Full PDB file with SEQRES, HELIX, SHEET, SSBOND, CRYST1, ORIGX, SCALE, CONECT and MASTER records, all heavy atoms in Angstrom:
SEQRES   1 A   33  ALA HIS LYS GLU GLU ALA ARG LYS ARG ASN GLN MET ARG          
SEQRES   2 A   33  THR PHE LEU MET TRP ILE ILE ILE ALA ILE VAL ILE GLY          
SEQRES   3 A   33  TYR SER LEU ILE ILE VAL GLN                                  
HELIX    1 AA1 HIS A    2  ILE A   30  1                                  29    
CRYST1    1.000    1.000    1.000  90.00  90.00  90.00 P 1           1          
ORIGX1      1.000000  0.000000  0.000000        0.00000                         
ORIGX2      0.000000  1.000000  0.000000        0.00000                         
ORIGX3      0.000000  0.000000  1.000000        0.00000                         
SCALE1      1.000000  0.000000  0.000000        0.00000                         
SCALE2      0.000000  1.000000  0.000000        0.00000                         
SCALE3      0.000000  0.000000  1.000000        0.00000                         
ATOM      1  N   ALA A   1      28.725 -49.851  21.655  1.00  0.00           N  
ATOM      2  CA  ALA A   1      27.429 -49.461  21.176  1.00  0.00           C  
ATOM      3  C   ALA A   1      27.377 -47.937  21.240  1.00  0.00           C  
ATOM      4  O   ALA A   1      26.885 -47.219  20.393  1.00  0.00           O  
ATOM      5  CB  ALA A   1      26.317 -50.113  21.967  1.00  0.00           C  
ATOM      6  N   HIS A   2      27.779 -47.396  22.461  1.00  0.00           N  
ATOM      7  CA  HIS A   2      27.698 -45.881  22.684  1.00  0.00           C  
ATOM      8  C   HIS A   2      28.628 -45.213  21.591  1.00  0.00           C  
ATOM      9  O   HIS A   2      28.294 -44.122  21.024  1.00  0.00           O  
ATOM     10  CB  HIS A   2      28.216 -45.605  24.057  1.00  0.00           C  
ATOM     11  CG  HIS A   2      27.008 -45.563  25.074  1.00  0.00           C  
ATOM     12  ND1 HIS A   2      26.127 -44.575  25.206  1.00  0.00           N  
ATOM     13  CD2 HIS A   2      26.692 -46.460  25.835  1.00  0.00           C  
ATOM     14  CE1 HIS A   2      25.326 -44.793  26.178  1.00  0.00           C  
ATOM     15  NE2 HIS A   2      25.600 -46.095  26.605  1.00  0.00           N  
ATOM     16  N   LYS A   3      29.848 -45.685  21.423  1.00  0.00           N  
ATOM     17  CA  LYS A   3      30.773 -45.157  20.479  1.00  0.00           C  
ATOM     18  C   LYS A   3      30.251 -45.221  19.011  1.00  0.00           C  
ATOM     19  O   LYS A   3      30.343 -44.253  18.302  1.00  0.00           O  
ATOM     20  CB  LYS A   3      32.037 -45.882  20.440  1.00  0.00           C  
ATOM     21  CG  LYS A   3      32.873 -45.646  21.739  1.00  0.00           C  
ATOM     22  CD  LYS A   3      34.171 -46.371  21.718  1.00  0.00           C  
ATOM     23  CE  LYS A   3      35.107 -45.999  22.858  1.00  0.00           C  
ATOM     24  NZ  LYS A   3      36.435 -46.759  22.919  1.00  0.00           N  
ATOM     25  N   GLU A   4      29.640 -46.362  18.716  1.00  0.00           N  
ATOM     26  CA  GLU A   4      28.953 -46.445  17.345  1.00  0.00           C  
ATOM     27  C   GLU A   4      27.854 -45.409  17.064  1.00  0.00           C  
ATOM     28  O   GLU A   4      27.722 -44.808  16.095  1.00  0.00           O  
ATOM     29  CB  GLU A   4      28.499 -47.856  17.082  1.00  0.00           C  
ATOM     30  CG  GLU A   4      27.772 -48.118  15.823  1.00  0.00           C  
ATOM     31  CD  GLU A   4      28.680 -47.909  14.630  1.00  0.00           C  
ATOM     32  OE1 GLU A   4      30.028 -47.953  14.899  1.00  0.00           O  
ATOM     33  OE2 GLU A   4      28.280 -47.643  13.437  1.00  0.00           O  
ATOM     34  N   GLU A   5      27.087 -45.268  18.186  1.00  0.00           N  
ATOM     35  CA  GLU A   5      25.913 -44.358  18.104  1.00  0.00           C  
ATOM     36  C   GLU A   5      26.473 -42.849  17.974  1.00  0.00           C  
ATOM     37  O   GLU A   5      25.941 -42.046  17.274  1.00  0.00           O  
ATOM     38  CB  GLU A   5      24.984 -44.479  19.250  1.00  0.00           C  
ATOM     39  CG  GLU A   5      23.854 -43.702  19.121  1.00  0.00           C  
ATOM     40  CD  GLU A   5      22.888 -43.885  20.344  1.00  0.00           C  
ATOM     41  OE1 GLU A   5      22.998 -45.021  20.964  1.00  0.00           O  
ATOM     42  OE2 GLU A   5      21.843 -43.134  20.611  1.00  0.00           O  
ATOM     43  N   ALA A   6      27.540 -42.619  18.858  1.00  0.00           N  
ATOM     44  CA  ALA A   6      28.161 -41.206  18.749  1.00  0.00           C  
ATOM     45  C   ALA A   6      28.784 -40.970  17.388  1.00  0.00           C  
ATOM     46  O   ALA A   6      28.649 -39.870  16.860  1.00  0.00           O  
ATOM     47  CB  ALA A   6      29.103 -41.080  19.800  1.00  0.00           C  
ATOM     48  N   ARG A   7      29.407 -42.150  16.873  1.00  0.00           N  
ATOM     49  CA  ARG A   7      30.017 -41.929  15.503  1.00  0.00           C  
ATOM     50  C   ARG A   7      28.905 -41.599  14.300  1.00  0.00           C  
ATOM     51  O   ARG A   7      29.103 -40.715  13.507  1.00  0.00           O  
ATOM     52  CB  ARG A   7      30.647 -43.194  15.099  1.00  0.00           C  
ATOM     53  CG  ARG A   7      31.488 -43.098  13.773  1.00  0.00           C  
ATOM     54  CD  ARG A   7      32.198 -44.392  13.567  1.00  0.00           C  
ATOM     55  NE  ARG A   7      31.261 -45.497  13.263  1.00  0.00           N  
ATOM     56  CZ  ARG A   7      30.572 -45.672  12.101  1.00  0.00           C  
ATOM     57  NH1 ARG A   7      30.799 -44.842  11.126  1.00  0.00           N  
ATOM     58  NH2 ARG A   7      29.805 -46.667  11.991  1.00  0.00           N  
ATOM     59  N   LYS A   8      27.743 -42.246  14.470  1.00  0.00           N  
ATOM     60  CA  LYS A   8      26.685 -41.939  13.602  1.00  0.00           C  
ATOM     61  C   LYS A   8      26.218 -40.551  13.667  1.00  0.00           C  
ATOM     62  O   LYS A   8      25.945 -39.810  12.689  1.00  0.00           O  
ATOM     63  CB  LYS A   8      25.548 -43.070  13.741  1.00  0.00           C  
ATOM     64  CG  LYS A   8      25.930 -44.377  13.361  1.00  0.00           C  
ATOM     65  CD  LYS A   8      24.795 -45.356  13.594  1.00  0.00           C  
ATOM     66  CE  LYS A   8      25.104 -46.783  13.243  1.00  0.00           C  
ATOM     67  NZ  LYS A   8      24.012 -47.775  13.458  1.00  0.00           N  
ATOM     68  N   ARG A   9      25.985 -40.132  14.995  1.00  0.00           N  
ATOM     69  CA  ARG A   9      25.547 -38.757  15.178  1.00  0.00           C  
ATOM     70  C   ARG A   9      26.525 -37.753  14.619  1.00  0.00           C  
ATOM     71  O   ARG A   9      26.178 -36.727  14.099  1.00  0.00           O  
ATOM     72  CB  ARG A   9      25.336 -38.497  16.633  1.00  0.00           C  
ATOM     73  CG  ARG A   9      24.037 -39.257  17.226  1.00  0.00           C  
ATOM     74  CD  ARG A   9      23.613 -38.651  18.586  1.00  0.00           C  
ATOM     75  NE  ARG A   9      24.623 -38.788  19.555  1.00  0.00           N  
ATOM     76  CZ  ARG A   9      24.741 -39.832  20.402  1.00  0.00           C  
ATOM     77  NH1 ARG A   9      23.840 -40.711  20.394  1.00  0.00           N  
ATOM     78  NH2 ARG A   9      25.732 -39.832  21.317  1.00  0.00           N  
ATOM     79  N   ASN A  10      27.822 -38.083  14.932  1.00  0.00           N  
ATOM     80  CA  ASN A  10      28.802 -37.122  14.430  1.00  0.00           C  
ATOM     81  C   ASN A  10      28.842 -37.044  12.814  1.00  0.00           C  
ATOM     82  O   ASN A  10      29.150 -35.996  12.247  1.00  0.00           O  
ATOM     83  CB  ASN A  10      30.146 -37.458  14.985  1.00  0.00           C  
ATOM     84  CG  ASN A  10      30.260 -37.141  16.397  1.00  0.00           C  
ATOM     85  OD1 ASN A  10      29.623 -36.317  16.942  1.00  0.00           O  
ATOM     86  ND2 ASN A  10      31.187 -37.808  17.055  1.00  0.00           N  
ATOM     87  N   GLN A  11      28.715 -38.382  12.335  1.00  0.00           N  
ATOM     88  CA  GLN A  11      28.691 -38.248  10.766  1.00  0.00           C  
ATOM     89  C   GLN A  11      27.487 -37.375  10.301  1.00  0.00           C  
ATOM     90  O   GLN A  11      27.615 -36.607   9.222  1.00  0.00           O  
ATOM     91  CB  GLN A  11      28.489 -39.658  10.267  1.00  0.00           C  
ATOM     92  CG  GLN A  11      29.750 -40.447  10.454  1.00  0.00           C  
ATOM     93  CD  GLN A  11      29.592 -41.922   9.880  1.00  0.00           C  
ATOM     94  OE1 GLN A  11      28.433 -42.375   9.746  1.00  0.00           O  
ATOM     95  NE2 GLN A  11      30.732 -42.630   9.612  1.00  0.00           N  
ATOM     96  N   MET A  12      26.336 -37.524  10.859  1.00  0.00           N  
ATOM     97  CA  MET A  12      25.136 -36.713  10.525  1.00  0.00           C  
ATOM     98  C   MET A  12      25.399 -35.186  10.783  1.00  0.00           C  
ATOM     99  O   MET A  12      25.079 -34.366   9.830  1.00  0.00           O  
ATOM    100  CB  MET A  12      23.914 -37.192  11.230  1.00  0.00           C  
ATOM    101  CG  MET A  12      22.692 -36.464  10.876  1.00  0.00           C  
ATOM    102  SD  MET A  12      22.223 -36.782   9.151  1.00  0.00           S  
ATOM    103  CE  MET A  12      21.863 -38.510   9.123  1.00  0.00           C  
ATOM    104  N   ARG A  13      26.055 -34.890  11.763  1.00  0.00           N  
ATOM    105  CA  ARG A  13      26.366 -33.496  12.222  1.00  0.00           C  
ATOM    106  C   ARG A  13      27.423 -33.012  11.090  1.00  0.00           C  
ATOM    107  O   ARG A  13      27.204 -31.844  10.704  1.00  0.00           O  
ATOM    108  CB  ARG A  13      26.970 -33.368  13.472  1.00  0.00           C  
ATOM    109  CG  ARG A  13      25.968 -33.418  14.758  1.00  0.00           C  
ATOM    110  CD  ARG A  13      26.793 -33.445  16.030  1.00  0.00           C  
ATOM    111  NE  ARG A  13      25.769 -33.286  17.052  1.00  0.00           N  
ATOM    112  CZ  ARG A  13      25.411 -32.042  17.630  1.00  0.00           C  
ATOM    113  NH1 ARG A  13      25.967 -30.960  17.072  1.00  0.00           N  
ATOM    114  NH2 ARG A  13      24.576 -32.054  18.545  1.00  0.00           N  
ATOM    115  N   THR A  14      28.396 -33.860  10.756  1.00  0.00           N  
ATOM    116  CA  THR A  14      29.363 -33.415   9.858  1.00  0.00           C  
ATOM    117  C   THR A  14      28.762 -33.089   8.507  1.00  0.00           C  
ATOM    118  O   THR A  14      29.144 -32.111   7.852  1.00  0.00           O  
ATOM    119  CB  THR A  14      30.561 -34.436   9.762  1.00  0.00           C  
ATOM    120  OG1 THR A  14      31.112 -34.590  11.059  1.00  0.00           O  
ATOM    121  CG2 THR A  14      31.646 -33.966   8.728  1.00  0.00           C  
ATOM    122  N   PHE A  15      27.850 -34.019   8.084  1.00  0.00           N  
ATOM    123  CA  PHE A  15      27.310 -33.898   6.795  1.00  0.00           C  
ATOM    124  C   PHE A  15      26.455 -32.568   6.716  1.00  0.00           C  
ATOM    125  O   PHE A  15      26.417 -31.813   5.805  1.00  0.00           O  
ATOM    126  CB  PHE A  15      26.406 -35.053   6.469  1.00  0.00           C  
ATOM    127  CG  PHE A  15      25.590 -35.017   5.138  1.00  0.00           C  
ATOM    128  CD1 PHE A  15      26.347 -35.204   3.924  1.00  0.00           C  
ATOM    129  CD2 PHE A  15      24.230 -34.792   5.130  1.00  0.00           C  
ATOM    130  CE1 PHE A  15      25.564 -35.163   2.764  1.00  0.00           C  
ATOM    131  CE2 PHE A  15      23.498 -34.750   4.054  1.00  0.00           C  
ATOM    132  CZ  PHE A  15      24.227 -34.877   2.806  1.00  0.00           C  
ATOM    133  N   LEU A  16      25.665 -32.452   7.755  1.00  0.00           N  
ATOM    134  CA  LEU A  16      24.859 -31.170   7.877  1.00  0.00           C  
ATOM    135  C   LEU A  16      25.685 -30.001   8.011  1.00  0.00           C  
ATOM    136  O   LEU A  16      25.377 -28.873   7.347  1.00  0.00           O  
ATOM    137  CB  LEU A  16      23.994 -31.295   9.083  1.00  0.00           C  
ATOM    138  CG  LEU A  16      23.029 -29.949   9.333  1.00  0.00           C  
ATOM    139  CD1 LEU A  16      22.055 -29.988   8.186  1.00  0.00           C  
ATOM    140  CD2 LEU A  16      22.328 -30.312  10.650  1.00  0.00           C  
ATOM    141  N   MET A  17      26.786 -30.018   8.576  1.00  0.00           N  
ATOM    142  CA  MET A  17      27.696 -28.780   8.774  1.00  0.00           C  
ATOM    143  C   MET A  17      28.217 -28.397   7.415  1.00  0.00           C  
ATOM    144  O   MET A  17      28.219 -27.272   7.057  1.00  0.00           O  
ATOM    145  CB  MET A  17      28.931 -29.193   9.753  1.00  0.00           C  
ATOM    146  CG  MET A  17      29.958 -28.118   9.792  1.00  0.00           C  
ATOM    147  SD  MET A  17      31.471 -28.657  10.722  1.00  0.00           S  
ATOM    148  CE  MET A  17      32.144 -29.759   9.554  1.00  0.00           C  
ATOM    149  N   TRP A  18      28.804 -29.383   6.556  1.00  0.00           N  
ATOM    150  CA  TRP A  18      29.318 -29.068   5.277  1.00  0.00           C  
ATOM    151  C   TRP A  18      28.292 -28.578   4.336  1.00  0.00           C  
ATOM    152  O   TRP A  18      28.463 -27.664   3.381  1.00  0.00           O  
ATOM    153  CB  TRP A  18      30.061 -30.262   4.606  1.00  0.00           C  
ATOM    154  CG  TRP A  18      31.267 -30.605   5.400  1.00  0.00           C  
ATOM    155  CD1 TRP A  18      31.659 -31.775   6.047  1.00  0.00           C  
ATOM    156  CD2 TRP A  18      32.433 -29.775   5.362  1.00  0.00           C  
ATOM    157  NE1 TRP A  18      32.902 -31.698   6.498  1.00  0.00           N  
ATOM    158  CE2 TRP A  18      33.431 -30.495   6.174  1.00  0.00           C  
ATOM    159  CE3 TRP A  18      32.725 -28.553   4.867  1.00  0.00           C  
ATOM    160  CZ2 TRP A  18      34.709 -29.939   6.383  1.00  0.00           C  
ATOM    161  CZ3 TRP A  18      33.989 -27.995   5.120  1.00  0.00           C  
ATOM    162  CH2 TRP A  18      34.972 -28.778   5.921  1.00  0.00           C  
ATOM    163  N   ILE A  19      27.049 -29.087   4.469  1.00  0.00           N  
ATOM    164  CA  ILE A  19      25.959 -28.565   3.692  1.00  0.00           C  
ATOM    165  C   ILE A  19      25.753 -27.062   3.910  1.00  0.00           C  
ATOM    166  O   ILE A  19      25.590 -26.167   2.955  1.00  0.00           O  
ATOM    167  CB  ILE A  19      24.612 -29.348   3.761  1.00  0.00           C  
ATOM    168  CG1 ILE A  19      24.660 -30.655   3.158  1.00  0.00           C  
ATOM    169  CG2 ILE A  19      23.436 -28.618   3.195  1.00  0.00           C  
ATOM    170  CD1 ILE A  19      23.623 -31.615   3.333  1.00  0.00           C  
ATOM    171  N   ILE A  20      25.607 -26.691   5.240  1.00  0.00           N  
ATOM    172  CA  ILE A  20      25.440 -25.374   5.649  1.00  0.00           C  
ATOM    173  C   ILE A  20      26.502 -24.540   5.208  1.00  0.00           C  
ATOM    174  O   ILE A  20      26.341 -23.292   4.678  1.00  0.00           O  
ATOM    175  CB  ILE A  20      25.155 -25.278   7.248  1.00  0.00           C  
ATOM    176  CG1 ILE A  20      23.869 -26.033   7.616  1.00  0.00           C  
ATOM    177  CG2 ILE A  20      25.148 -23.825   7.561  1.00  0.00           C  
ATOM    178  CD1 ILE A  20      23.602 -26.118   9.088  1.00  0.00           C  
ATOM    179  N   ILE A  21      27.846 -24.923   5.323  1.00  0.00           N  
ATOM    180  CA  ILE A  21      28.929 -24.191   5.059  1.00  0.00           C  
ATOM    181  C   ILE A  21      28.951 -23.861   3.444  1.00  0.00           C  
ATOM    182  O   ILE A  21      29.185 -22.744   3.030  1.00  0.00           O  
ATOM    183  CB  ILE A  21      30.182 -24.892   5.321  1.00  0.00           C  
ATOM    184  CG1 ILE A  21      30.403 -24.830   6.882  1.00  0.00           C  
ATOM    185  CG2 ILE A  21      31.406 -24.311   4.662  1.00  0.00           C  
ATOM    186  CD1 ILE A  21      31.696 -25.597   7.472  1.00  0.00           C  
ATOM    187  N   ALA A  22      28.507 -24.905   2.660  1.00  0.00           N  
ATOM    188  CA  ALA A  22      28.476 -24.669   1.228  1.00  0.00           C  
ATOM    189  C   ALA A  22      27.444 -23.614   0.914  1.00  0.00           C  
ATOM    190  O   ALA A  22      27.594 -22.837   0.020  1.00  0.00           O  
ATOM    191  CB  ALA A  22      28.146 -26.054   0.533  1.00  0.00           C  
ATOM    192  N   ILE A  23      26.256 -23.775   1.540  1.00  0.00           N  
ATOM    193  CA  ILE A  23      25.254 -22.737   1.258  1.00  0.00           C  
ATOM    194  C   ILE A  23      25.668 -21.335   1.645  1.00  0.00           C  
ATOM    195  O   ILE A  23      25.458 -20.411   0.899  1.00  0.00           O  
ATOM    196  CB  ILE A  23      23.873 -23.109   2.056  1.00  0.00           C  
ATOM    197  CG1 ILE A  23      23.273 -24.363   1.455  1.00  0.00           C  
ATOM    198  CG2 ILE A  23      22.886 -21.924   1.914  1.00  0.00           C  
ATOM    199  CD1 ILE A  23      22.177 -24.921   2.313  1.00  0.00           C  
ATOM    200  N   VAL A  24      26.371 -21.184   2.746  1.00  0.00           N  
ATOM    201  CA  VAL A  24      26.718 -19.900   3.180  1.00  0.00           C  
ATOM    202  C   VAL A  24      27.902 -19.397   2.276  1.00  0.00           C  
ATOM    203  O   VAL A  24      27.749 -18.220   1.860  1.00  0.00           O  
ATOM    204  CB  VAL A  24      27.393 -19.882   4.655  1.00  0.00           C  
ATOM    205  CG1 VAL A  24      28.035 -18.610   5.037  1.00  0.00           C  
ATOM    206  CG2 VAL A  24      26.223 -20.221   5.598  1.00  0.00           C  
ATOM    207  N   ILE A  25      28.902 -20.148   1.834  1.00  0.00           N  
ATOM    208  CA  ILE A  25      29.860 -19.626   0.980  1.00  0.00           C  
ATOM    209  C   ILE A  25      29.237 -19.341  -0.388  1.00  0.00           C  
ATOM    210  O   ILE A  25      29.657 -18.292  -1.046  1.00  0.00           O  
ATOM    211  CB  ILE A  25      30.978 -20.716   0.813  1.00  0.00           C  
ATOM    212  CG1 ILE A  25      31.733 -20.833   2.137  1.00  0.00           C  
ATOM    213  CG2 ILE A  25      32.051 -20.327  -0.140  1.00  0.00           C  
ATOM    214  CD1 ILE A  25      32.859 -21.685   2.239  1.00  0.00           C  
ATOM    215  N   GLY A  26      28.382 -20.147  -0.930  1.00  0.00           N  
ATOM    216  CA  GLY A  26      27.760 -19.909  -2.153  1.00  0.00           C  
ATOM    217  C   GLY A  26      26.916 -18.613  -2.166  1.00  0.00           C  
ATOM    218  O   GLY A  26      26.986 -17.867  -3.054  1.00  0.00           O  
ATOM    219  N   TYR A  27      26.159 -18.382  -0.999  1.00  0.00           N  
ATOM    220  CA  TYR A  27      25.389 -17.218  -0.864  1.00  0.00           C  
ATOM    221  C   TYR A  27      26.325 -15.941  -0.864  1.00  0.00           C  
ATOM    222  O   TYR A  27      25.966 -14.943  -1.544  1.00  0.00           O  
ATOM    223  CB  TYR A  27      24.610 -17.304   0.417  1.00  0.00           C  
ATOM    224  CG  TYR A  27      23.792 -16.014   0.671  1.00  0.00           C  
ATOM    225  CD1 TYR A  27      22.577 -15.832   0.080  1.00  0.00           C  
ATOM    226  CD2 TYR A  27      24.288 -15.018   1.514  1.00  0.00           C  
ATOM    227  CE1 TYR A  27      21.795 -14.643   0.306  1.00  0.00           C  
ATOM    228  CE2 TYR A  27      23.495 -13.874   1.798  1.00  0.00           C  
ATOM    229  CZ  TYR A  27      22.347 -13.699   1.157  1.00  0.00           C  
ATOM    230  OH  TYR A  27      21.550 -12.572   1.308  1.00  0.00           O  
ATOM    231  N   SER A  28      27.427 -16.069  -0.120  1.00  0.00           N  
ATOM    232  CA  SER A  28      28.292 -14.894  -0.169  1.00  0.00           C  
ATOM    233  C   SER A  28      29.115 -14.768  -1.416  1.00  0.00           C  
ATOM    234  O   SER A  28      29.303 -13.481  -1.786  1.00  0.00           O  
ATOM    235  CB  SER A  28      29.424 -15.166   0.993  1.00  0.00           C  
ATOM    236  OG  SER A  28      30.263 -16.376   0.728  1.00  0.00           O  
ATOM    237  N   LEU A  29      29.243 -15.658  -2.290  1.00  0.00           N  
ATOM    238  CA  LEU A  29      29.975 -15.464  -3.504  1.00  0.00           C  
ATOM    239  C   LEU A  29      28.987 -14.982  -4.534  1.00  0.00           C  
ATOM    240  O   LEU A  29      29.241 -14.032  -5.283  1.00  0.00           O  
ATOM    241  CB  LEU A  29      30.636 -16.758  -4.010  1.00  0.00           C  
ATOM    242  CG  LEU A  29      31.857 -17.188  -3.352  1.00  0.00           C  
ATOM    243  CD1 LEU A  29      32.295 -18.579  -3.848  1.00  0.00           C  
ATOM    244  CD2 LEU A  29      32.967 -16.202  -3.571  1.00  0.00           C  
ATOM    245  N   ILE A  30      27.793 -15.623  -4.650  1.00  0.00           N  
ATOM    246  CA  ILE A  30      26.854 -15.369  -5.771  1.00  0.00           C  
ATOM    247  C   ILE A  30      25.894 -14.071  -5.394  1.00  0.00           C  
ATOM    248  O   ILE A  30      25.732 -13.170  -6.234  1.00  0.00           O  
ATOM    249  CB  ILE A  30      26.000 -16.463  -6.070  1.00  0.00           C  
ATOM    250  CG1 ILE A  30      26.926 -17.778  -6.381  1.00  0.00           C  
ATOM    251  CG2 ILE A  30      24.915 -16.221  -7.174  1.00  0.00           C  
ATOM    252  CD1 ILE A  30      26.243 -19.088  -6.675  1.00  0.00           C  
ATOM    253  N   ILE A  31      25.307 -14.073  -4.241  1.00  0.00           N  
ATOM    254  CA  ILE A  31      24.338 -13.051  -3.962  1.00  0.00           C  
ATOM    255  C   ILE A  31      25.013 -11.779  -3.347  1.00  0.00           C  
ATOM    256  O   ILE A  31      24.946 -10.762  -3.938  1.00  0.00           O  
ATOM    257  CB  ILE A  31      23.361 -13.669  -2.929  1.00  0.00           C  
ATOM    258  CG1 ILE A  31      22.662 -14.902  -3.421  1.00  0.00           C  
ATOM    259  CG2 ILE A  31      22.236 -12.594  -2.666  1.00  0.00           C  
ATOM    260  CD1 ILE A  31      21.972 -14.694  -4.816  1.00  0.00           C  
ATOM    261  N   VAL A  32      25.837 -12.020  -2.326  1.00  0.00           N  
ATOM    262  CA  VAL A  32      26.389 -10.824  -1.609  1.00  0.00           C  
ATOM    263  C   VAL A  32      27.717 -10.457  -2.260  1.00  0.00           C  
ATOM    264  O   VAL A  32      28.076  -9.189  -2.187  1.00  0.00           O  
ATOM    265  CB  VAL A  32      26.618 -11.215  -0.059  1.00  0.00           C  
ATOM    266  CG1 VAL A  32      27.174  -9.973   0.690  1.00  0.00           C  
ATOM    267  CG2 VAL A  32      25.319 -11.740   0.546  1.00  0.00           C  
ATOM    268  N   GLN A  33      28.450 -11.330  -2.798  1.00  0.00           N  
ATOM    269  CA  GLN A  33      29.586 -11.109  -3.421  1.00  0.00           C  
ATOM    270  C   GLN A  33      30.704 -10.593  -2.419  1.00  0.00           C  
ATOM    271  O   GLN A  33      31.580  -9.667  -2.714  1.00  0.00           O  
ATOM    272  CB  GLN A  33      29.565 -10.185  -4.644  1.00  0.00           C  
ATOM    273  CG  GLN A  33      28.807 -10.781  -5.764  1.00  0.00           C  
ATOM    274  CD  GLN A  33      28.776  -9.826  -7.004  1.00  0.00           C  
ATOM    275  OE1 GLN A  33      29.121  -8.613  -6.861  1.00  0.00           O  
ATOM    276  NE2 GLN A  33      28.227 -10.376  -8.094  1.00  0.00           N  
TER     277      GLN A  33                                                      
MASTER        0    0    0    1    0    0    0    6  276    1    0    3          
END                                                                             
């Protein structure tokens, strides 16, 4: 049960991480260049 809960939290963290990375890279390419 602990492992399953940790896995769900990690999935959410990973999803959030990739969204933030995509925003940062997009901002650096389009806005800041």
